[in-house]
Amino acid sequence: MSDVAGVRQARAQHTRDGVLAAAAAVFVDQGVQAPIRDIAARAGVGLGTIYRHFPTRADLVTAVYRHQIDGCAALAPKLLEECASPFAALTRWVDAFVEFLVTKHGLGAALGSEDPGLENLHALMLDTLVPACATLLDAGTAAGELSPGITAYTLMRAIGNLCILGPGYDRADAKHMVALLLTGCRPPA
């Protein structure tokens, strides 16, 4: 590859990363149905640049969430190494998962939509995050810090349900309820 091609490729990747960061921020503020022009303005690019990298809204939504899902999954083994206990690692990972969920305005509707481009997003979440959570649960159970029989899918689904925000139930309420759920996962004293 020539130096010119390498520079061009690096510039394209930088632009793509900037669009993903801008889209993630706009999705937090406005939801996944935010106007593409708002994302372009935040990224400092034209609409054509967005569509060149992400031909459909589903492509953009999937790319943003794939990046965030991969980051959340990669956090699990890192926390197991860094934290004093598997339960502490699970707690910190769940905090990151909750933050991921509560900032996804409109994601539930997008996942339930008829858009075939978004069909793989739910499977991506399950295929990537369930094994990460299972690793933490297995370590916690082996250390005697968690009751046996808790499955990653069930725990994550319960957390997801607790993270549905609405009038009179905000991010702080969700975090508090998830903390209570995790406390209930501990074995009886």
N, C-alpha and C. Protein backbone atom coordinates (compact mmCIF):
# COMPACT_ATOMS: atom_id res chain seq x y z
N MET A 1 0.85 -1.17 0.00
CA MET A 1 0.00 0.00 0.00
C MET A 1 0.90 1.23 0.00
N SER A 2 0.56 2.18 -0.83
CA SER A 2 1.36 3.40 -0.92
C SER A 2 1.08 4.30 0.27
N ASP A 3 1.97 5.25 0.49
CA ASP A 3 1.79 6.20 1.59
C ASP A 3 0.51 7.00 1.41
N VAL A 4 0.21 7.37 0.18
CA VAL A 4 -1.01 8.15 -0.10
C VAL A 4 -2.25 7.32 0.26
N ALA A 5 -2.25 6.06 -0.13
CA ALA A 5 -3.39 5.20 0.19
C ALA A 5 -3.51 5.00 1.69
N GLY A 6 -2.39 4.86 2.37
CA GLY A 6 -2.41 4.70 3.82
C GLY A 6 -2.95 5.93 4.52
N VAL A 7 -2.55 7.10 4.06
CA VAL A 7 -3.05 8.37 4.63
C VAL A 7 -4.54 8.49 4.37
N ARG A 8 -4.96 8.15 3.15
CA ARG A 8 -6.38 8.23 2.79
C ARG A 8 -7.20 7.27 3.67
N GLN A 9 -6.69 6.07 3.87
CA GLN A 9 -7.39 5.09 4.69
C GLN A 9 -7.46 5.56 6.15
N ALA A 10 -6.38 6.11 6.66
CA ALA A 10 -6.37 6.62 8.04
C ALA A 10 -7.36 7.77 8.20
N ARG A 11 -7.41 8.65 7.20
CA ARG A 11 -8.34 9.78 7.24
C ARG A 11 -9.79 9.28 7.22
N ALA A 12 -10.06 8.28 6.38
CA ALA A 12 -11.41 7.72 6.31
C ALA A 12 -11.81 7.07 7.64
N GLN A 13 -10.87 6.37 8.27
CA GLN A 13 -11.15 5.75 9.56
C GLN A 13 -11.39 6.81 10.63
N HIS A 14 -10.61 7.88 10.59
CA HIS A 14 -10.79 8.98 11.54
C HIS A 14 -12.17 9.61 11.37
N THR A 15 -12.58 9.82 10.12
CA THR A 15 -13.91 10.38 9.84
C THR A 15 -14.99 9.43 10.33
N ARG A 16 -14.84 8.13 10.04
CA ARG A 16 -15.82 7.14 10.47
C ARG A 16 -15.94 7.12 12.00
N ASP A 17 -14.80 7.14 12.68
CA ASP A 17 -14.81 7.16 14.15
C ASP A 17 -15.50 8.41 14.68
N GLY A 18 -15.26 9.55 14.02
CA GLY A 18 -15.90 10.80 14.43
C GLY A 18 -17.41 10.75 14.24
N VAL A 19 -17.85 10.15 13.14
CA VAL A 19 -19.28 10.00 12.89
C VAL A 19 -19.90 9.08 13.94
N LEU A 20 -19.22 7.98 14.28
CA LEU A 20 -19.75 7.06 15.30
C LEU A 20 -19.86 7.75 16.66
N ALA A 21 -18.85 8.52 17.03
CA ALA A 21 -18.89 9.24 18.31
C ALA A 21 -20.02 10.26 18.31
N ALA A 22 -20.16 10.99 17.22
CA ALA A 22 -21.23 11.98 17.12
C ALA A 22 -22.60 11.30 17.17
N ALA A 23 -22.75 10.21 16.45
CA ALA A 23 -24.03 9.50 16.43
C ALA A 23 -24.37 8.97 17.82
N ALA A 24 -23.38 8.44 18.52
CA ALA A 24 -23.63 7.93 19.88
C ALA A 24 -24.13 9.06 20.77
N ALA A 25 -23.50 10.22 20.69
CA ALA A 25 -23.91 11.36 21.52
C ALA A 25 -25.31 11.85 21.15
N VAL A 26 -25.58 11.93 19.85
CA VAL A 26 -26.90 12.38 19.41
C VAL A 26 -27.97 11.36 19.80
N PHE A 27 -27.66 10.07 19.70
CA PHE A 27 -28.62 9.04 20.10
C PHE A 27 -28.96 9.16 21.58
N VAL A 28 -27.98 9.50 22.41
CA VAL A 28 -28.24 9.68 23.84
C VAL A 28 -29.21 10.84 24.04
N ASP A 29 -28.98 11.93 23.33
CA ASP A 29 -29.82 13.12 23.48
C ASP A 29 -31.20 12.97 22.86
N GLN A 30 -31.26 12.35 21.65
CA GLN A 30 -32.50 12.38 20.88
C GLN A 30 -33.09 11.02 20.55
N GLY A 31 -32.35 9.96 20.78
CA GLY A 31 -32.83 8.63 20.42
C GLY A 31 -32.34 8.23 19.05
N VAL A 32 -32.57 6.97 18.70
CA VAL A 32 -32.02 6.42 17.46
C VAL A 32 -32.72 6.95 16.21
N GLN A 33 -33.83 7.62 16.37
CA GLN A 33 -34.53 8.20 15.22
C GLN A 33 -34.12 9.65 14.97
N ALA A 34 -33.06 10.11 15.65
CA ALA A 34 -32.58 11.48 15.47
C ALA A 34 -32.29 11.75 14.00
N PRO A 35 -32.51 12.97 13.57
CA PRO A 35 -32.21 13.31 12.16
C PRO A 35 -30.72 13.12 11.85
N ILE A 36 -30.46 12.54 10.70
CA ILE A 36 -29.07 12.31 10.27
C ILE A 36 -28.34 13.65 10.15
N ARG A 37 -29.04 14.71 9.78
CA ARG A 37 -28.41 16.03 9.66
C ARG A 37 -27.85 16.50 11.01
N ASP A 38 -28.50 16.11 12.13
CA ASP A 38 -27.99 16.48 13.46
C ASP A 38 -26.68 15.74 13.75
N ILE A 39 -26.61 14.50 13.32
CA ILE A 39 -25.38 13.72 13.50
C ILE A 39 -24.26 14.31 12.64
N ALA A 40 -24.59 14.64 11.40
CA ALA A 40 -23.59 15.23 10.49
C ALA A 40 -23.08 16.55 11.07
N ALA A 41 -23.97 17.38 11.58
CA ALA A 41 -23.56 18.67 12.15
C ALA A 41 -22.64 18.46 13.35
N ARG A 42 -22.99 17.53 14.21
CA ARG A 42 -22.16 17.27 15.39
C ARG A 42 -20.79 16.72 15.01
N ALA A 43 -20.75 15.92 13.95
CA ALA A 43 -19.48 15.34 13.49
C ALA A 43 -18.68 16.32 12.64
N GLY A 44 -19.33 17.39 12.19
CA GLY A 44 -18.64 18.35 11.34
C GLY A 44 -18.41 17.84 9.92
N VAL A 45 -19.35 17.04 9.44
CA VAL A 45 -19.25 16.49 8.08
C VAL A 45 -20.57 16.72 7.36
N GLY A 46 -20.57 16.47 6.07
CA GLY A 46 -21.79 16.58 5.28
C GLY A 46 -22.60 15.30 5.32
N LEU A 47 -23.86 15.41 4.91
CA LEU A 47 -24.74 14.23 4.87
C LEU A 47 -24.16 13.14 3.97
N GLY A 48 -23.54 13.54 2.86
CA GLY A 48 -22.96 12.57 1.95
C GLY A 48 -21.90 11.71 2.61
N THR A 49 -21.12 12.33 3.50
CA THR A 49 -20.09 11.57 4.22
C THR A 49 -20.73 10.52 5.11
N ILE A 50 -21.80 10.89 5.79
CA ILE A 50 -22.50 9.91 6.64
C ILE A 50 -22.97 8.73 5.78
N TYR A 51 -23.65 9.05 4.68
CA TYR A 51 -24.22 7.98 3.85
C TYR A 51 -23.15 7.18 3.11
N ARG A 52 -22.00 7.76 2.89
CA ARG A 52 -20.90 7.02 2.24
C ARG A 52 -20.39 5.93 3.19
N HIS A 53 -20.32 6.27 4.48
CA HIS A 53 -19.85 5.29 5.47
C HIS A 53 -20.96 4.36 5.94
N PHE A 54 -22.18 4.89 6.02
CA PHE A 54 -23.33 4.14 6.56
C PHE A 54 -24.52 4.37 5.64
N PRO A 55 -24.71 3.51 4.64
CA PRO A 55 -25.76 3.75 3.64
C PRO A 55 -27.18 3.84 4.20
N THR A 56 -27.44 3.17 5.32
CA THR A 56 -28.78 3.22 5.91
C THR A 56 -28.68 3.59 7.39
N ARG A 57 -29.79 4.05 7.94
CA ARG A 57 -29.85 4.36 9.38
C ARG A 57 -29.52 3.09 10.18
N ALA A 58 -30.02 1.95 9.72
CA ALA A 58 -29.75 0.69 10.42
C ALA A 58 -28.25 0.40 10.46
N ASP A 59 -27.54 0.69 9.38
CA ASP A 59 -26.09 0.50 9.36
C ASP A 59 -25.42 1.36 10.42
N LEU A 60 -25.86 2.60 10.54
CA LEU A 60 -25.28 3.53 11.52
C LEU A 60 -25.60 3.09 12.94
N VAL A 61 -26.86 2.77 13.19
CA VAL A 61 -27.28 2.34 14.53
C VAL A 61 -26.50 1.08 14.93
N THR A 62 -26.42 0.13 14.02
CA THR A 62 -25.71 -1.12 14.31
C THR A 62 -24.23 -0.86 14.58
N ALA A 63 -23.60 0.00 13.80
CA ALA A 63 -22.17 0.29 14.00
C ALA A 63 -21.92 0.96 15.34
N VAL A 64 -22.77 1.90 15.72
CA VAL A 64 -22.62 2.58 17.01
C VAL A 64 -22.74 1.58 18.15
N TYR A 65 -23.79 0.77 18.10
CA TYR A 65 -24.01 -0.15 19.20
C TYR A 65 -23.04 -1.32 19.20
N ARG A 66 -22.58 -1.74 18.02
CA ARG A 66 -21.57 -2.80 17.96
C ARG A 66 -20.31 -2.34 18.71
N HIS A 67 -19.91 -1.11 18.46
CA HIS A 67 -18.73 -0.56 19.12
C HIS A 67 -18.93 -0.53 20.65
N GLN A 68 -20.09 -0.10 21.09
CA GLN A 68 -20.36 -0.02 22.52
C GLN A 68 -20.52 -1.40 23.15
N ILE A 69 -21.14 -2.31 22.45
CA ILE A 69 -21.31 -3.68 22.95
C ILE A 69 -19.95 -4.36 23.08
N ASP A 70 -19.11 -4.20 22.07
CA ASP A 70 -17.78 -4.80 22.13
C ASP A 70 -16.98 -4.24 23.31
N GLY A 71 -17.11 -2.95 23.56
CA GLY A 71 -16.42 -2.33 24.69
C GLY A 71 -16.91 -2.87 26.02
N CYS A 72 -18.21 -3.06 26.14
CA CYS A 72 -18.79 -3.60 27.38
C CYS A 72 -18.35 -5.05 27.58
N ALA A 73 -18.32 -5.82 26.53
CA ALA A 73 -17.89 -7.22 26.64
C ALA A 73 -16.42 -7.31 27.04
N ALA A 74 -15.59 -6.46 26.45
CA ALA A 74 -14.16 -6.47 26.76
C ALA A 74 -13.87 -6.04 28.19
N LEU A 75 -14.80 -5.35 28.80
CA LEU A 75 -14.62 -4.89 30.17
C LEU A 75 -14.65 -6.04 31.18
N ALA A 76 -15.40 -7.11 30.90
CA ALA A 76 -15.56 -8.20 31.86
C ALA A 76 -14.23 -8.83 32.28
N PRO A 77 -13.40 -9.33 31.36
CA PRO A 77 -12.14 -9.94 31.81
C PRO A 77 -11.19 -8.92 32.45
N LYS A 78 -11.24 -7.71 31.97
CA LYS A 78 -10.40 -6.65 32.55
C LYS A 78 -10.77 -6.42 34.02
N LEU A 79 -12.07 -6.36 34.30
CA LEU A 79 -12.53 -6.13 35.68
C LEU A 79 -12.21 -7.32 36.58
N LEU A 80 -12.29 -8.54 36.03
CA LEU A 80 -11.93 -9.71 36.84
C LEU A 80 -10.48 -9.64 37.29
N GLU A 81 -9.62 -9.09 36.45
CA GLU A 81 -8.20 -8.94 36.81
C GLU A 81 -7.99 -7.81 37.81
N GLU A 82 -8.70 -6.71 37.63
CA GLU A 82 -8.46 -5.50 38.42
C GLU A 82 -9.15 -5.48 39.78
N CYS A 83 -10.31 -6.08 39.89
CA CYS A 83 -11.12 -5.95 41.10
C CYS A 83 -10.70 -6.94 42.18
N ALA A 84 -11.00 -6.57 43.40
CA ALA A 84 -10.63 -7.38 44.56
C ALA A 84 -11.42 -8.68 44.64
N SER A 85 -12.60 -8.70 44.03
CA SER A 85 -13.42 -9.91 44.09
C SER A 85 -14.27 -10.02 42.82
N PRO A 86 -14.72 -11.24 42.51
CA PRO A 86 -15.60 -11.39 41.35
C PRO A 86 -16.91 -10.60 41.50
N PHE A 87 -17.43 -10.50 42.72
CA PHE A 87 -18.67 -9.73 42.90
C PHE A 87 -18.43 -8.25 42.63
N ALA A 88 -17.29 -7.74 43.04
CA ALA A 88 -16.95 -6.34 42.75
C ALA A 88 -16.82 -6.14 41.24
N ALA A 89 -16.23 -7.11 40.54
CA ALA A 89 -16.10 -7.03 39.09
C ALA A 89 -17.48 -7.06 38.44
N LEU A 90 -18.35 -7.95 38.91
CA LEU A 90 -19.71 -8.03 38.37
C LEU A 90 -20.45 -6.72 38.60
N THR A 91 -20.31 -6.16 39.78
CA THR A 91 -21.00 -4.90 40.10
C THR A 91 -20.54 -3.78 39.16
N ARG A 92 -19.26 -3.68 38.94
CA ARG A 92 -18.76 -2.62 38.04
C ARG A 92 -19.18 -2.88 36.60
N TRP A 93 -19.19 -4.15 36.18
CA TRP A 93 -19.62 -4.46 34.83
C TRP A 93 -21.10 -4.15 34.66
N VAL A 94 -21.90 -4.51 35.65
CA VAL A 94 -23.34 -4.22 35.58
C VAL A 94 -23.56 -2.71 35.53
N ASP A 95 -22.77 -1.94 36.26
CA ASP A 95 -22.89 -0.47 36.19
C ASP A 95 -22.69 -0.01 34.74
N ALA A 96 -21.70 -0.55 34.06
CA ALA A 96 -21.44 -0.17 32.66
C ALA A 96 -22.59 -0.64 31.77
N PHE A 97 -23.11 -1.82 32.02
CA PHE A 97 -24.24 -2.35 31.24
C PHE A 97 -25.48 -1.48 31.44
N VAL A 98 -25.73 -1.09 32.68
CA VAL A 98 -26.87 -0.22 32.98
C VAL A 98 -26.71 1.11 32.24
N GLU A 99 -25.52 1.67 32.28
CA GLU A 99 -25.28 2.94 31.59
C GLU A 99 -25.53 2.78 30.09
N PHE A 100 -25.10 1.67 29.54
CA PHE A 100 -25.36 1.37 28.13
C PHE A 100 -26.87 1.35 27.88
N LEU A 101 -27.62 0.67 28.74
CA LEU A 101 -29.06 0.51 28.52
C LEU A 101 -29.84 1.81 28.70
N VAL A 102 -29.55 2.55 29.75
CA VAL A 102 -30.38 3.73 30.05
C VAL A 102 -30.13 4.88 29.08
N THR A 103 -29.08 4.81 28.29
CA THR A 103 -28.83 5.88 27.32
C THR A 103 -29.31 5.50 25.93
N LYS A 104 -30.06 4.43 25.80
CA LYS A 104 -30.48 3.95 24.48
C LYS A 104 -31.94 4.30 24.20
N HIS A 105 -32.25 5.58 24.19
CA HIS A 105 -33.61 6.03 23.91
C HIS A 105 -34.04 5.52 22.54
N GLY A 106 -35.14 4.80 22.51
CA GLY A 106 -35.67 4.33 21.24
C GLY A 106 -35.06 3.03 20.75
N LEU A 107 -34.09 2.49 21.46
CA LEU A 107 -33.47 1.25 20.99
C LEU A 107 -34.48 0.10 21.01
N GLY A 108 -35.28 0.02 22.05
CA GLY A 108 -36.28 -1.04 22.13
C GLY A 108 -37.22 -1.03 20.93
N ALA A 109 -37.69 0.17 20.58
CA ALA A 109 -38.58 0.30 19.42
C ALA A 109 -37.83 -0.08 18.14
N ALA A 110 -36.57 0.32 18.06
CA ALA A 110 -35.78 0.00 16.87
C ALA A 110 -35.60 -1.51 16.75
N LEU A 111 -35.34 -2.18 17.88
CA LEU A 111 -35.15 -3.63 17.85
C LEU A 111 -36.44 -4.34 17.46
N GLY A 112 -37.58 -3.77 17.85
CA GLY A 112 -38.86 -4.38 17.52
C GLY A 112 -39.42 -3.93 16.18
N SER A 113 -38.70 -3.09 15.48
CA SER A 113 -39.19 -2.57 14.20
C SER A 113 -39.09 -3.64 13.12
N GLU A 114 -39.66 -3.33 12.00
CA GLU A 114 -39.63 -4.25 10.86
C GLU A 114 -38.38 -4.05 10.00
N ASP A 115 -37.46 -3.19 10.43
CA ASP A 115 -36.26 -2.89 9.65
C ASP A 115 -35.34 -4.11 9.65
N PRO A 116 -35.16 -4.78 8.50
CA PRO A 116 -34.32 -5.97 8.47
C PRO A 116 -32.85 -5.68 8.81
N GLY A 117 -32.43 -4.44 8.65
CA GLY A 117 -31.06 -4.08 8.97
C GLY A 117 -30.77 -4.09 10.46
N LEU A 118 -31.82 -4.06 11.27
CA LEU A 118 -31.63 -4.06 12.73
C LEU A 118 -31.86 -5.43 13.36
N GLU A 119 -32.25 -6.40 12.55
CA GLU A 119 -32.53 -7.73 13.09
C GLU A 119 -31.33 -8.34 13.80
N ASN A 120 -30.14 -8.07 13.30
CA ASN A 120 -28.95 -8.69 13.87
C ASN A 120 -28.48 -8.00 15.15
N LEU A 121 -29.02 -6.84 15.47
CA LEU A 121 -28.55 -6.09 16.63
C LEU A 121 -28.87 -6.83 17.93
N HIS A 122 -30.06 -7.36 18.05
CA HIS A 122 -30.42 -8.09 19.27
C HIS A 122 -29.56 -9.33 19.42
N ALA A 123 -29.35 -10.06 18.34
CA ALA A 123 -28.49 -11.25 18.38
C ALA A 123 -27.06 -10.87 18.73
N LEU A 124 -26.59 -9.75 18.20
CA LEU A 124 -25.25 -9.27 18.53
C LEU A 124 -25.12 -9.00 20.03
N MET A 125 -26.13 -8.35 20.58
CA MET A 125 -26.10 -8.08 22.02
C MET A 125 -26.04 -9.37 22.81
N LEU A 126 -26.89 -10.32 22.45
CA LEU A 126 -26.92 -11.59 23.18
C LEU A 126 -25.63 -12.38 22.99
N ASP A 127 -25.18 -12.49 21.76
CA ASP A 127 -24.00 -13.30 21.46
C ASP A 127 -22.72 -12.73 22.07
N THR A 128 -22.69 -11.43 22.30
CA THR A 128 -21.49 -10.78 22.82
C THR A 128 -21.55 -10.55 24.32
N LEU A 129 -22.69 -10.08 24.82
CA LEU A 129 -22.76 -9.69 26.22
C LEU A 129 -23.10 -10.83 27.17
N VAL A 130 -23.90 -11.78 26.72
CA VAL A 130 -24.26 -12.90 27.61
C VAL A 130 -23.01 -13.69 28.03
N PRO A 131 -22.12 -14.05 27.10
CA PRO A 131 -20.90 -14.76 27.54
C PRO A 131 -20.02 -13.92 28.48
N ALA A 132 -19.96 -12.62 28.27
CA ALA A 132 -19.17 -11.76 29.16
C ALA A 132 -19.75 -11.78 30.56
N CYS A 133 -21.05 -11.65 30.65
CA CYS A 133 -21.71 -11.69 31.96
C CYS A 133 -21.56 -13.08 32.59
N ALA A 134 -21.68 -14.13 31.79
CA ALA A 134 -21.55 -15.50 32.31
C ALA A 134 -20.17 -15.72 32.93
N THR A 135 -19.14 -15.16 32.33
CA THR A 135 -17.79 -15.28 32.88
C THR A 135 -17.74 -14.70 34.29
N LEU A 136 -18.36 -13.55 34.46
CA LEU A 136 -18.38 -12.90 35.78
C LEU A 136 -19.22 -13.70 36.77
N LEU A 137 -20.36 -14.20 36.32
CA LEU A 137 -21.21 -15.00 37.21
C LEU A 137 -20.52 -16.29 37.63
N ASP A 138 -19.85 -16.96 36.68
CA ASP A 138 -19.14 -18.20 37.01
C ASP A 138 -18.05 -17.94 38.05
N ALA A 139 -17.32 -16.85 37.87
CA ALA A 139 -16.26 -16.52 38.83
C ALA A 139 -16.85 -16.21 40.20
N GLY A 140 -17.96 -15.49 40.23
CA GLY A 140 -18.62 -15.15 41.50
C GLY A 140 -19.19 -16.37 42.20
N THR A 141 -19.75 -17.28 41.43
CA THR A 141 -20.29 -18.51 42.01
C THR A 141 -19.16 -19.38 42.55
N ALA A 142 -18.09 -19.52 41.78
CA ALA A 142 -16.94 -20.32 42.21
C ALA A 142 -16.32 -19.76 43.49
N ALA A 143 -16.35 -18.45 43.66
CA ALA A 143 -15.79 -17.81 44.85
C ALA A 143 -16.77 -17.81 46.02
N GLY A 144 -17.99 -18.31 45.79
CA GLY A 144 -19.00 -18.34 46.86
C GLY A 144 -19.65 -16.99 47.09
N GLU A 145 -19.47 -16.06 46.16
CA GLU A 145 -20.03 -14.71 46.33
C GLU A 145 -21.40 -14.55 45.69
N LEU A 146 -21.81 -15.53 44.87
CA LEU A 146 -23.11 -15.49 44.22
C LEU A 146 -23.81 -16.82 44.42
N SER A 147 -25.13 -16.76 44.53
CA SER A 147 -25.91 -17.98 44.62
C SER A 147 -25.80 -18.75 43.32
N PRO A 148 -25.71 -20.07 43.39
CA PRO A 148 -25.65 -20.85 42.15
C PRO A 148 -26.98 -20.79 41.41
N GLY A 149 -26.91 -21.03 40.11
CA GLY A 149 -28.13 -21.12 39.32
C GLY A 149 -28.56 -19.82 38.66
N ILE A 150 -27.82 -18.75 38.85
CA ILE A 150 -28.16 -17.49 38.19
C ILE A 150 -27.56 -17.54 36.78
N THR A 151 -28.41 -17.39 35.79
CA THR A 151 -27.91 -17.41 34.42
C THR A 151 -27.72 -15.99 33.92
N ALA A 152 -26.75 -15.84 33.04
CA ALA A 152 -26.43 -14.51 32.50
C ALA A 152 -27.63 -13.92 31.76
N TYR A 153 -28.28 -14.71 30.93
CA TYR A 153 -29.41 -14.20 30.17
C TYR A 153 -30.52 -13.69 31.09
N THR A 154 -30.86 -14.48 32.11
CA THR A 154 -31.93 -14.10 33.03
C THR A 154 -31.56 -12.83 33.79
N LEU A 155 -30.33 -12.77 34.29
CA LEU A 155 -29.90 -11.58 35.02
C LEU A 155 -29.93 -10.35 34.11
N MET A 156 -29.40 -10.50 32.90
CA MET A 156 -29.36 -9.36 31.99
C MET A 156 -30.76 -8.92 31.57
N ARG A 157 -31.65 -9.87 31.41
CA ARG A 157 -33.04 -9.51 31.07
C ARG A 157 -33.70 -8.77 32.22
N ALA A 158 -33.45 -9.22 33.46
CA ALA A 158 -34.00 -8.52 34.62
C ALA A 158 -33.44 -7.11 34.71
N ILE A 159 -32.14 -6.98 34.49
CA ILE A 159 -31.52 -5.65 34.50
C ILE A 159 -32.13 -4.79 33.41
N GLY A 160 -32.28 -5.35 32.22
CA GLY A 160 -32.89 -4.60 31.12
C GLY A 160 -34.28 -4.10 31.46
N ASN A 161 -35.07 -4.93 32.10
CA ASN A 161 -36.41 -4.52 32.49
C ASN A 161 -36.37 -3.41 33.54
N LEU A 162 -35.42 -3.47 34.44
CA LEU A 162 -35.29 -2.43 35.46
C LEU A 162 -34.79 -1.10 34.89
N CYS A 163 -34.25 -1.15 33.68
CA CYS A 163 -33.67 0.05 33.06
C CYS A 163 -34.61 0.74 32.07
N ILE A 164 -35.87 0.35 32.07
CA ILE A 164 -36.85 1.03 31.22
C ILE A 164 -37.30 2.28 31.97
N LEU A 165 -36.80 3.42 31.51
CA LEU A 165 -37.08 4.69 32.17
C LEU A 165 -38.43 5.23 31.73
N GLY A 166 -38.99 6.06 32.59
CA GLY A 166 -40.27 6.70 32.26
C GLY A 166 -40.57 7.77 33.28
N PRO A 167 -41.76 8.36 33.17
CA PRO A 167 -42.13 9.41 34.13
C PRO A 167 -42.07 8.88 35.57
N GLY A 168 -41.35 9.59 36.40
CA GLY A 168 -41.23 9.19 37.80
C GLY A 168 -40.25 8.06 38.05
N TYR A 169 -39.53 7.63 37.04
CA TYR A 169 -38.55 6.55 37.18
C TYR A 169 -37.38 6.88 36.26
N ASP A 170 -36.29 7.39 36.87
CA ASP A 170 -35.16 7.87 36.07
C ASP A 170 -33.94 6.99 36.24
N ARG A 171 -32.83 7.45 35.70
CA ARG A 171 -31.57 6.71 35.71
C ARG A 171 -31.17 6.33 37.14
N ALA A 172 -31.30 7.26 38.08
CA ALA A 172 -30.93 6.98 39.48
C ALA A 172 -31.80 5.86 40.06
N ASP A 173 -33.10 5.89 39.74
CA ASP A 173 -33.99 4.83 40.21
C ASP A 173 -33.57 3.47 39.63
N ALA A 174 -33.25 3.46 38.35
CA ALA A 174 -32.83 2.21 37.70
C ALA A 174 -31.56 1.67 38.36
N LYS A 175 -30.58 2.54 38.58
CA LYS A 175 -29.33 2.11 39.21
C LYS A 175 -29.59 1.55 40.61
N HIS A 176 -30.46 2.20 41.36
CA HIS A 176 -30.78 1.74 42.71
C HIS A 176 -31.45 0.36 42.67
N MET A 177 -32.39 0.18 41.77
CA MET A 177 -33.10 -1.10 41.70
C MET A 177 -32.16 -2.22 41.23
N VAL A 178 -31.26 -1.92 40.33
CA VAL A 178 -30.30 -2.92 39.86
C VAL A 178 -29.35 -3.30 41.00
N ALA A 179 -28.95 -2.32 41.80
CA ALA A 179 -28.09 -2.62 42.96
C ALA A 179 -28.81 -3.56 43.93
N LEU A 180 -30.10 -3.33 44.13
CA LEU A 180 -30.88 -4.23 45.00
C LEU A 180 -30.98 -5.63 44.39
N LEU A 181 -31.15 -5.69 43.08
CA LEU A 181 -31.19 -6.98 42.39
C LEU A 181 -29.88 -7.74 42.61
N LEU A 182 -28.75 -7.06 42.43
CA LEU A 182 -27.46 -7.72 42.64
C LEU A 182 -27.28 -8.19 44.08
N THR A 183 -27.73 -7.40 45.02
CA THR A 183 -27.66 -7.81 46.43
C THR A 183 -28.44 -9.12 46.63
N GLY A 184 -29.55 -9.24 45.95
CA GLY A 184 -30.37 -10.45 46.04
C GLY A 184 -29.73 -11.66 45.38
N CYS A 185 -28.68 -11.45 44.61
CA CYS A 185 -27.96 -12.56 43.96
C CYS A 185 -26.91 -13.17 44.88
N ARG A 186 -26.67 -12.53 46.00
CA ARG A 186 -25.69 -13.04 46.96
C ARG A 186 -26.26 -14.23 47.71
N PRO A 187 -25.43 -15.17 48.11
CA PRO A 187 -25.94 -16.31 48.89
C PRO A 187 -26.38 -15.84 50.27
N PRO A 188 -27.32 -16.55 50.87
CA PRO A 188 -27.77 -16.16 52.22
C PRO A 188 -26.62 -16.24 53.21
N ALA A 189 -26.63 -15.33 54.15
CA ALA A 189 -25.54 -15.29 55.14
C ALA A 189 -25.66 -16.39 56.15
